[in-house]
């Protein structure tokens, strides 16, 4: 192990330790708790993060397999719909912002205009389940389908090792960006791209976004060994004018394997290791119609983003790749019911040179995060204390002239949640969080930009 990498890992551990010393999901679906008469804590170690039981319930297609999964066995009044919303106050402060009055630090705060998730999920019939999530309903009137899929379990020989899901789904990431315990900032490694000074055709790709395609998955009886493979159109590209002339527009792939271990005794109650990776493709040329004369054919046919009037949909070509891959290691300390859960994820990524306009070479980077969640055993698991350190280190910039550390990031989040009530019908929690992000060299005259966020909210589902 190099001294540089060892130093980086030590800094990660120090930041996580400080977060814990100072302080110490999209979400759950209460419709499941109402259906089976269970509390939300049955499936969540710290709402909304899944525990072992919740992970296995999800992998089984939202089935307990105790003879009460089929809709005909549910109470007549049961309806598989839940509502999730988080009214909140947010204060943001950003440094080194250019204005006509000079370089300023800008800050603002207020109660945010919240949107809702309408969560509809359940079992259609034995071994066939579904999920539909319309999101929005805010003052802008925008509503879209964040997720929708049908899941077919045990397709071969009544075995859990081959299941198929089709639709718009969240790929099986080491930590879910749709069930985070931290609200202020997202995980950096899922959507990062180097070269902030260049436009990129693949810059829209975010592994944390739900993807249109297929998922093949399998697991053992208790989901202690799992695999997932997704085949999808990168960021739903089939609906845009940049879609390519292939059987699957912008064909992309993701894979993830995990293995959990549970010692028979000791302070470590569980640990796990995993490997994951994604390889996404974007077209960089397209047929055009009515191209503005002052542009060359090469410039006119270059992908400049969805919606260009000159591009003919479905004719994209010359696919170029963006990729990211990595490892994960998790450990649960203390009792599994009320653990200290540590999750370390490391990633490396690369964007092809031809995804950038005017690039000299491919852009490459490395990054990761260490997340810690502590659930004290007092007060029946009402408290959760959490902290996370994210980092990005660029290895090679698309422009040779760019500083090698341009866009490097350090991000720290810390907070606490107190669940006021959790029943088999609803759950409501108070959430307080402070987060800071420093991004290298992207401000005025190459200065660093630091963003601080204070988040105070009421997170509830019914």
Protein backbone atom coordinates (compact mmCIF):
# COMPACT_ATOMS: atom_id res chain seq x y z
CA UNK A 1 0.00 0.00 0.00
CA UNK A 2 1.47 3.40 -0.98
CA UNK A 3 2.16 6.07 1.66
CA UNK A 4 -0.25 8.39 -0.16
CA UNK A 5 -3.14 5.89 -0.04
CA UNK A 6 -2.35 5.02 3.60
CA UNK A 7 -2.41 8.71 4.50
CA UNK A 8 -5.76 9.09 2.72
CA UNK A 9 -7.29 6.15 4.58
CA UNK A 10 -6.03 7.53 7.90
CA UNK A 11 -7.66 10.89 7.16
CA UNK A 12 -10.92 9.11 6.33
CA UNK A 13 -10.84 7.24 9.65
CA UNK A 14 -10.01 10.44 11.55
CA UNK A 15 -12.92 12.35 10.00
CA UNK A 16 -15.32 9.51 10.74
CA UNK A 17 -14.07 9.36 14.32
CA UNK A 18 -14.56 13.09 14.76
CA UNK A 19 -18.05 12.88 13.32
CA UNK A 20 -18.96 10.19 15.83
CA UNK A 21 -17.32 11.97 18.72
CA UNK A 22 -19.09 15.22 17.99
CA UNK A 23 -22.43 13.65 17.26
CA UNK A 24 -21.11 10.08 18.54
CA UNK A 25 -34.59 5.95 3.21
CA UNK A 26 -36.16 7.24 -1.20
CA UNK A 27 -37.66 5.79 2.02
CA UNK A 28 -39.46 3.08 3.90
CA UNK A 29 -42.96 2.06 2.79
CA UNK A 30 -45.43 1.94 5.73
CA UNK A 31 -47.97 0.16 3.52
CA UNK A 32 -45.93 -3.01 4.10
CA UNK A 33 -46.08 -2.54 7.86
CA UNK A 34 -49.86 -2.05 7.68
CA UNK A 35 -50.26 -5.15 5.54
CA UNK A 36 -48.33 -7.47 7.85
CA UNK A 37 -49.00 -5.73 11.19
CA UNK A 38 -45.29 -4.98 11.77
CA UNK A 39 -43.49 -1.89 12.97
CA UNK A 40 -41.13 -0.04 10.63
CA UNK A 41 -38.19 -1.09 12.84
CA UNK A 42 -38.74 -4.66 11.66
CA UNK A 43 -37.10 -3.78 8.33
CA UNK A 44 -34.90 -0.79 9.25
CA UNK A 45 -31.85 -0.59 11.49
CA UNK A 46 -32.21 3.19 11.37
CA UNK A 47 -35.07 4.43 9.26
CA UNK A 48 -34.75 4.56 6.28
CA UNK A 49 -31.62 2.32 6.13
CA UNK A 50 -32.52 -1.37 5.72
CA UNK A 51 -31.45 -4.05 8.18
CA UNK A 52 -30.90 -7.74 7.31
CA UNK A 53 -34.61 -8.57 7.51
CA UNK A 54 -35.54 -5.60 5.32
CA UNK A 55 -32.89 -6.47 2.75
CA UNK A 56 -34.16 -10.03 2.50
CA UNK A 57 -37.79 -8.84 2.30
CA UNK A 58 -36.86 -6.54 -0.60
CA UNK A 59 -34.83 -9.26 -2.35
CA UNK A 60 -37.79 -11.64 -2.07
CA UNK A 61 -39.98 -9.22 -4.00
CA UNK A 62 -41.70 -7.70 -0.94
CA UNK A 63 -42.79 -11.15 0.27
CA UNK A 64 -42.57 -12.70 3.75
CA UNK A 65 -43.50 -16.12 2.34
CA UNK A 66 -45.64 -17.04 5.33
CA UNK A 67 -48.87 -17.51 3.39
CA UNK A 68 -50.04 -13.88 3.69
CA UNK A 69 -48.34 -12.22 0.71
CA UNK A 70 -51.07 -12.55 -1.93
CA UNK A 71 -53.52 -9.65 -2.13
CA UNK A 72 -56.47 -12.01 -1.59
CA UNK A 73 -55.19 -12.74 1.94
CA UNK A 74 -54.93 -9.05 2.92
CA UNK A 75 -57.59 -7.13 4.81
CA UNK A 76 -60.21 -5.70 2.41
CA UNK A 77 -59.38 -2.15 3.58
CA UNK A 78 -55.65 -2.57 2.80
CA UNK A 79 -54.37 -0.33 -0.01
CA UNK A 80 -50.67 -0.45 -1.00
CA UNK A 81 -50.08 3.32 -1.00
CA UNK A 82 -47.91 5.51 1.26
CA UNK A 83 -47.00 9.20 1.28
CA UNK A 84 -43.53 10.55 2.11
CA UNK A 85 -42.62 14.22 2.60
CA UNK A 86 -40.04 16.19 4.57
CA UNK A 87 -41.01 19.77 5.49
CA UNK A 88 -37.69 21.43 6.32
CA UNK A 89 -35.68 24.56 6.94
CA UNK A 90 -32.38 24.87 5.06
CA UNK A 91 -29.59 27.43 5.37
CA UNK A 92 -26.84 27.48 2.71
CA UNK A 93 -23.59 29.46 2.60
CA UNK A 94 -21.30 29.41 -0.49
CA UNK A 95 -17.90 31.14 -0.69
CA UNK A 96 -15.95 32.77 -3.58
CA UNK A 97 -18.89 33.56 -5.85
CA UNK A 98 -18.28 36.09 -8.62
CA UNK A 99 -20.68 39.07 -8.86
CA UNK A 100 -20.62 42.51 -10.51
CA UNK A 101 -19.78 43.83 -7.06
CA UNK A 102 -16.76 41.57 -6.63
CA UNK A 103 -16.15 38.14 -5.15
CA UNK A 104 -18.70 37.47 -2.44
CA UNK A 105 -19.83 34.86 0.05
CA UNK A 106 -23.51 34.22 -0.58
CA UNK A 107 -25.92 32.84 2.00
CA UNK A 108 -29.64 32.26 2.21
CA UNK A 109 -32.13 30.29 4.25
CA UNK A 110 -35.78 29.45 4.57
CA UNK A 111 -38.42 26.76 4.63
CA UNK A 112 -38.02 24.80 1.40
CA UNK A 113 -40.76 24.06 -1.12
CA UNK A 114 -41.12 20.35 -0.43
CA UNK A 115 -42.23 17.71 -2.91
CA UNK A 116 -43.78 14.35 -2.04
CA UNK A 117 -43.16 10.75 -2.96
CA UNK A 118 -46.33 8.76 -3.55
CA UNK A 119 -45.12 5.23 -2.84
CA UNK A 120 -47.17 2.41 -4.34
CA UNK A 121 -45.69 -1.06 -3.96
CA UNK A 122 -46.67 -4.61 -3.15
CA UNK A 123 -47.44 -8.08 -4.45
CA UNK A 124 -49.67 -8.58 -7.51
CA UNK A 125 -49.74 -12.34 -7.10
CA UNK A 126 -47.33 -14.98 -5.85
CA UNK A 127 -43.76 -14.13 -6.91
CA UNK A 128 -44.82 -11.08 -8.94
CA UNK A 129 -44.43 -7.69 -7.25
CA UNK A 130 -44.44 -4.06 -8.33
CA UNK A 131 -43.39 -0.53 -7.40
CA UNK A 132 -44.61 2.82 -8.79
CA UNK A 133 -43.34 6.14 -7.36
CA UNK A 134 -44.77 9.41 -8.72
CA UNK A 135 -42.68 12.28 -7.33
CA UNK A 136 -43.27 16.03 -7.29
CA UNK A 137 -46.59 17.75 -6.57
CA UNK A 138 -44.71 20.91 -5.46
CA UNK A 139 -45.63 24.49 -6.34
CA UNK A 140 -44.08 24.18 -9.82
CA UNK A 141 -46.74 21.59 -10.68
CA UNK A 142 -44.16 19.11 -11.93
CA UNK A 143 -44.88 15.40 -11.42
CA UNK A 144 -42.80 12.58 -12.85
CA UNK A 145 -42.38 8.85 -12.37
CA UNK A 146 -39.21 8.48 -10.34
CA UNK A 147 -39.47 4.71 -10.40
CA UNK A 148 -41.69 1.95 -11.75
CA UNK A 149 -41.07 -1.73 -12.27
CA UNK A 150 -42.47 -5.25 -12.21
CA UNK A 151 -40.48 -7.98 -10.47
CA UNK A 152 -40.66 -11.71 -11.24
CA UNK A 153 -39.18 -13.92 -8.50
CA UNK A 154 -38.08 -17.57 -8.57
CA UNK A 155 -38.32 -18.00 -12.33
CA UNK A 156 -36.31 -21.23 -12.43
CA UNK A 157 -37.04 -24.24 -10.22
CA UNK A 158 -38.46 -22.18 -7.34
CA UNK A 159 -34.93 -20.90 -6.70
CA UNK A 160 -34.02 -17.44 -5.37
CA UNK A 161 -30.93 -17.34 -7.56
CA UNK A 162 -32.71 -16.05 -10.68
CA UNK A 163 -35.15 -13.13 -10.50
CA UNK A 164 -35.93 -10.52 -13.17
CA UNK A 165 -37.08 -6.93 -12.80
CA UNK A 166 -38.11 -4.71 -15.72
CA UNK A 167 -38.79 -0.96 -15.71
CA UNK A 168 -37.23 2.12 -14.19
CA UNK A 169 -35.28 0.92 -11.17
CA UNK A 170 -32.56 1.87 -8.71
CA UNK A 171 -29.45 -0.18 -9.36
CA UNK A 172 -28.16 -2.13 -6.37
CA UNK A 173 -25.50 0.27 -5.04
CA UNK A 174 -23.34 -0.27 -1.92
CA UNK A 175 -25.33 2.50 -0.18
CA UNK A 176 -28.68 3.61 -1.53
CA UNK A 177 -28.97 7.29 -2.59
CA UNK A 178 -32.76 6.83 -2.46
CA UNK A 179 -32.71 5.61 1.17
CA UNK A 180 -30.02 7.87 2.68
CA UNK A 181 -29.88 8.79 6.32
CA UNK A 182 -28.13 12.06 5.34
CA UNK A 183 -30.17 14.70 3.47
CA UNK A 184 -27.84 17.70 2.94
CA UNK A 185 -25.53 16.23 0.27
CA UNK A 186 -25.59 13.10 -1.87
CA UNK A 187 -22.85 10.49 -2.31
CA UNK A 188 -20.15 12.04 -4.53
CA UNK A 189 -18.83 8.91 -6.26
CA UNK A 190 -22.07 7.95 -8.00
CA UNK A 191 -22.38 11.03 -10.22
CA UNK A 192 -18.94 12.66 -10.36
CA UNK A 193 -17.25 13.64 -13.65
CA UNK A 194 -13.86 15.37 -13.99
CA UNK A 195 -13.23 18.45 -16.09
CA UNK A 196 -15.67 21.10 -14.78
CA UNK A 197 -14.18 23.48 -17.36
CA UNK A 198 -15.39 21.37 -20.33
CA UNK A 199 -18.86 20.37 -21.54
CA UNK A 200 -19.31 16.60 -21.60
CA UNK A 201 -21.84 14.49 -23.49
CA UNK A 202 -21.75 11.95 -20.66
CA UNK A 203 -21.95 14.45 -17.80
CA UNK A 204 -25.61 13.63 -17.28
CA UNK A 205 -24.77 10.08 -16.19
CA UNK A 206 -25.41 9.55 -12.49
CA UNK A 207 -25.29 6.01 -11.18
CA UNK A 208 -27.53 7.13 -8.32
CA UNK A 209 -30.38 7.98 -10.71
CA UNK A 210 -33.01 5.36 -11.45
CA UNK A 211 -32.33 3.65 -14.76
CA UNK A 212 -34.58 2.28 -17.52
CA UNK A 213 -33.85 -1.34 -18.22
CA UNK A 214 -33.66 -4.84 -16.77
CA UNK A 215 -32.23 -6.24 -13.56
CA UNK A 216 -31.28 -9.87 -12.98
CA UNK A 217 -30.65 -10.77 -9.34
CA UNK A 218 -30.18 -13.71 -7.02
CA UNK A 219 -29.50 -14.49 -3.38
CA UNK A 220 -29.39 -17.27 -0.83
CA UNK A 221 -32.23 -17.89 1.61
CA UNK A 222 -31.29 -15.07 3.99
CA UNK A 223 -29.62 -12.70 1.46
CA UNK A 224 -26.20 -13.22 3.03
CA UNK A 225 -24.82 -13.82 -0.48
CA UNK A 226 -26.28 -11.65 -3.24
CA UNK A 227 -25.69 -10.59 -6.83
CA UNK A 228 -27.34 -8.03 -9.12
CA UNK A 229 -26.82 -7.26 -12.80
CA UNK A 230 -28.56 -4.32 -14.51
CA UNK A 231 -28.75 -3.70 -18.26
CA UNK A 232 -30.09 -0.23 -19.01
CA UNK A 233 -30.16 2.90 -21.16
CA UNK A 234 -27.91 5.41 -19.39
CA UNK A 235 -30.03 8.01 -17.59
CA UNK A 236 -33.15 7.04 -19.56
CA UNK A 237 -31.48 8.19 -22.78
CA UNK A 238 -34.01 6.37 -24.99
CA UNK A 239 -36.39 9.33 -24.53
CA UNK A 240 -33.92 11.99 -25.70
CA UNK A 241 -32.73 13.19 -29.08
CA UNK A 242 -29.31 11.71 -28.30
CA UNK A 243 -30.58 8.12 -28.33
CA UNK A 244 -28.44 5.78 -30.38
CA UNK A 245 -29.24 3.49 -33.27
CA UNK A 246 -29.06 0.26 -31.26
CA UNK A 247 -31.49 -2.32 -29.90
CA UNK A 248 -30.95 -0.73 -26.47
CA UNK A 249 -30.31 2.99 -26.59
CA UNK A 250 -27.04 3.99 -24.90
CA UNK A 251 -26.46 0.36 -23.78
CA UNK A 252 -25.00 0.31 -20.27
CA UNK A 253 -24.28 -2.26 -17.58
CA UNK A 254 -23.94 -2.48 -13.81
CA UNK A 255 -22.99 -5.38 -11.55
CA UNK A 256 -22.74 -5.90 -7.79
CA UNK A 257 -21.88 -8.90 -5.59
CA UNK A 258 -21.98 -8.98 -1.78
CA UNK A 259 -21.09 -11.53 0.87
CA UNK A 260 -22.12 -11.14 4.53
CA UNK A 261 -20.57 -12.96 7.50
CA UNK A 262 -21.95 -13.31 11.02
CA UNK A 263 -19.46 -14.41 13.72
CA UNK A 264 -20.80 -16.70 16.43
CA UNK A 265 -19.50 -14.42 19.19
CA UNK A 266 -17.57 -11.23 19.82
CA UNK A 267 -18.11 -7.48 19.56
CA UNK A 268 -18.36 -7.68 15.73
CA UNK A 269 -21.88 -8.93 15.06
CA UNK A 270 -21.62 -8.86 11.24
CA UNK A 271 -19.31 -7.82 8.43
CA UNK A 272 -19.56 -7.80 4.64
CA UNK A 273 -17.50 -7.31 1.49
CA UNK A 274 -18.57 -6.44 -2.03
CA UNK A 275 -17.48 -5.57 -5.56
CA UNK A 276 -19.40 -3.28 -7.93
CA UNK A 277 -18.95 -1.56 -11.28
CA UNK A 278 -20.73 0.28 -14.09
CA UNK A 279 -19.95 0.76 -17.78
CA UNK A 280 -22.21 3.31 -19.52
CA UNK A 281 -22.20 4.45 -23.15
CA UNK A 282 -23.22 7.71 -24.81
CA UNK A 283 -23.41 8.59 -28.53
CA UNK A 284 -21.15 11.44 -29.66
CA UNK A 285 -22.46 11.91 -33.23
CA UNK A 286 -25.93 11.98 -34.77
CA UNK A 287 -27.63 12.62 -38.09
CA UNK A 288 -28.79 16.19 -38.39
CA UNK A 289 -31.41 18.19 -40.30
CA UNK A 290 -31.32 21.96 -40.83
CA UNK A 291 -27.89 22.49 -39.31
CA UNK A 292 -26.99 26.16 -38.90
CA UNK A 293 -24.64 26.99 -41.86
CA UNK A 294 -21.91 28.72 -39.85
CA UNK A 295 -21.12 25.49 -38.03
CA UNK A 296 -19.06 22.74 -39.58
CA UNK A 297 -20.69 19.34 -40.06
CA UNK A 298 -18.45 17.90 -37.32
CA UNK A 299 -19.52 20.63 -34.87
CA UNK A 300 -23.18 20.39 -35.86
CA UNK A 301 -23.26 16.61 -35.50
CA UNK A 302 -21.50 16.66 -32.15
CA UNK A 303 -23.78 15.82 -29.26
CA UNK A 304 -24.53 19.07 -27.43
CA UNK A 305 -27.37 17.87 -25.22
CA UNK A 306 -30.99 16.72 -25.46
CA UNK A 307 -33.45 18.87 -27.34
CA UNK A 308 -31.27 20.19 -30.16
CA UNK A 309 -33.49 21.02 -33.15
CA UNK A 310 -30.83 19.81 -35.59
CA UNK A 311 -30.52 16.26 -34.24
CA UNK A 312 -32.65 13.40 -35.50
CA UNK A 313 -33.78 11.17 -32.61
CA UNK A 314 -32.60 7.58 -32.61
CA UNK A 315 -29.60 8.15 -34.92
CA UNK A 316 -26.81 8.57 -32.38
CA UNK A 317 -23.54 6.80 -33.06
CA UNK A 318 -19.85 6.55 -32.15
CA UNK A 319 -20.59 5.40 -28.60
CA UNK A 320 -18.08 6.50 -25.95
CA UNK A 321 -17.90 5.16 -22.43
CA UNK A 322 -17.94 6.43 -18.88
CA UNK A 323 -17.18 3.93 -16.14
CA UNK A 324 -16.81 3.56 -12.40
CA UNK A 325 -16.01 0.55 -10.29
CA UNK A 326 -14.93 -0.22 -6.77
CA UNK A 327 -15.13 -2.18 -3.56
CA UNK A 328 -17.06 -1.97 -0.30
CA UNK A 329 -16.50 -3.14 3.25
CA UNK A 330 -19.07 -3.00 6.04
CA UNK A 331 -18.97 -3.88 9.72
CA UNK A 332 -21.63 -3.90 12.46
CA UNK A 333 -20.36 -3.45 16.01
CA UNK A 334 -22.45 -4.43 19.02
CA UNK A 335 -25.89 -6.01 18.74
CA UNK A 336 -27.43 -6.09 15.26
CA UNK A 337 -30.65 -4.62 16.69
CA UNK A 338 -28.83 -1.46 17.83
CA UNK A 339 -25.46 -1.40 16.06
CA UNK A 340 -22.66 0.95 15.17
CA UNK A 341 -22.64 0.41 11.41
CA UNK A 342 -19.55 1.43 9.40
CA UNK A 343 -19.62 1.37 5.58
CA UNK A 344 -16.52 2.16 3.50
CA UNK A 345 -16.82 2.42 -0.30
CA UNK A 346 -13.91 3.06 -2.68
CA UNK A 347 -14.33 3.88 -6.38
CA UNK A 348 -12.33 4.68 -9.50
CA UNK A 349 -13.83 6.31 -12.58
CA UNK A 350 -13.03 7.27 -16.15
CA UNK A 351 -14.67 9.33 -18.92
CA UNK A 352 -13.60 8.78 -22.52
CA UNK A 353 -11.75 11.67 -24.20
CA UNK A 354 -14.40 11.85 -26.93
CA UNK A 355 -17.15 12.55 -24.42
CA UNK A 356 -15.64 16.02 -23.92
CA UNK A 357 -15.55 18.87 -26.42
CA UNK A 358 -11.93 19.85 -26.99
CA UNK A 359 -10.38 17.38 -24.55
CA UNK A 360 -6.76 16.27 -24.80
CA UNK A 361 -7.29 12.93 -23.08
CA UNK A 362 -9.64 10.89 -20.92
CA UNK A 363 -10.58 12.14 -17.48
CA UNK A 364 -9.89 9.77 -14.57
CA UNK A 365 -10.45 9.99 -10.81
CA UNK A 366 -10.74 8.08 -7.55
CA UNK A 367 -12.95 8.64 -4.54
CA UNK A 368 -15.13 7.10 -1.91
CA UNK A 369 -16.85 7.57 1.40
CA UNK A 370 -16.93 6.29 4.95
CA UNK A 371 -20.36 6.37 6.58
CA UNK A 372 -21.10 5.66 10.22
CA UNK A 373 -24.55 5.13 11.74
CA UNK A 374 -24.99 4.53 15.46
CA UNK A 375 -28.31 3.42 16.92
CA UNK A 376 -28.27 3.70 20.74
CA UNK A 377 -30.27 0.97 22.46
CA UNK A 378 -32.00 3.51 24.75
CA UNK A 379 -35.63 4.55 24.25
CA UNK A 380 -36.53 1.60 22.02
CA UNK A 381 -34.31 2.59 19.07
CA UNK A 382 -35.69 6.12 18.67
CA UNK A 383 -32.28 7.78 18.27
CA UNK A 384 -29.86 7.63 15.32
CA UNK A 385 -26.52 9.46 15.13
CA UNK A 386 -24.71 9.55 11.80
CA UNK A 387 -21.66 10.94 10.06
CA UNK A 388 -20.11 10.61 6.60
CA UNK A 389 -16.90 11.68 4.89
CA UNK A 390 -16.83 11.76 1.05
CA UNK A 391 -13.78 12.50 -1.07
CA UNK A 392 -12.88 12.93 -4.75
CA UNK A 393 -9.30 12.97 -6.06
CA UNK A 394 -8.74 13.59 -9.76
CA UNK A 395 -5.99 11.50 -11.31
CA UNK A 396 -6.00 12.92 -14.86
CA UNK A 397 -7.78 16.00 -16.20
CA UNK A 398 -9.31 16.03 -19.72
CA UNK A 399 -7.25 19.19 -20.44
CA UNK A 400 -3.49 18.90 -20.02
CA UNK A 401 -3.40 22.56 -19.00
CA UNK A 402 -5.81 22.05 -16.07
CA UNK A 403 -4.34 21.70 -12.56
CA UNK A 404 -4.30 18.06 -11.53
CA UNK A 405 -6.28 18.80 -8.36
CA UNK A 406 -9.00 20.85 -10.07
CA UNK A 407 -12.37 19.74 -8.74
CA UNK A 408 -11.02 17.66 -5.86
CA UNK A 409 -13.62 17.50 -3.09
CA UNK A 410 -13.83 16.92 0.65
CA UNK A 411 -17.32 16.59 2.09
CA UNK A 412 -18.36 15.98 5.69
CA UNK A 413 -21.91 15.46 6.99
CA UNK A 414 -22.99 14.86 10.59
CA UNK A 415 -26.39 14.78 12.21
CA UNK A 416 -28.95 13.17 14.44
CA UNK A 417 -32.45 11.78 13.95
CA UNK A 418 -35.06 11.25 16.63
CA UNK A 419 -38.02 9.09 15.68
CA UNK A 420 -41.00 10.42 17.61
CA UNK A 421 -43.21 7.49 16.70
CA UNK A 422 -43.08 4.35 14.60
CA UNK A 423 -46.08 2.09 14.31
CA UNK A 424 -47.53 -0.31 11.78
CA UNK A 425 -49.24 2.67 10.12
CA UNK A 426 -46.76 5.55 10.05
CA UNK A 427 -43.44 6.93 11.16
CA UNK A 428 -42.32 10.48 11.97
CA UNK A 429 -38.85 11.73 12.84
CA UNK A 430 -37.03 14.98 13.60
CA UNK A 431 -33.85 15.43 11.56
CA UNK A 432 -30.96 17.85 12.26
CA UNK A 433 -27.82 17.92 10.11
CA UNK A 434 -24.77 20.05 9.33
CA UNK A 435 -22.70 19.45 6.20
CA UNK A 436 -19.78 21.10 4.45
CA UNK A 437 -18.22 20.58 1.02
CA UNK A 438 -14.96 22.08 -0.28
CA UNK A 439 -14.27 21.91 -4.03
CA UNK A 440 -10.79 22.72 -5.26
CA UNK A 441 -10.11 25.54 -7.74
CA UNK A 442 -13.58 26.01 -9.28
CA UNK A 443 -14.23 29.50 -7.88
CA UNK A 444 -13.32 32.92 -9.18
CA UNK A 445 -9.61 33.14 -10.17
CA UNK A 446 -9.08 29.49 -9.25
CA UNK A 447 -10.14 29.81 -5.64
CA UNK A 448 -11.72 26.97 -3.66
CA UNK A 449 -15.48 26.99 -3.16
CA UNK A 450 -16.86 25.94 0.20
CA UNK A 451 -20.54 25.17 0.72
CA UNK A 452 -22.05 24.85 4.20
CA UNK A 453 -25.58 23.55 4.78
CA UNK A 454 -27.73 23.45 7.90
CA UNK A 455 -30.77 21.18 7.51
CA UNK A 456 -33.64 20.91 10.01
CA UNK A 457 -36.65 18.86 9.03
CA UNK A 458 -39.64 16.73 9.96
CA UNK A 459 -39.49 13.49 7.99
CA UNK A 460 -42.70 11.49 7.92
CA UNK A 461 -44.51 8.74 6.07
CA UNK A 462 -48.03 7.45 6.28
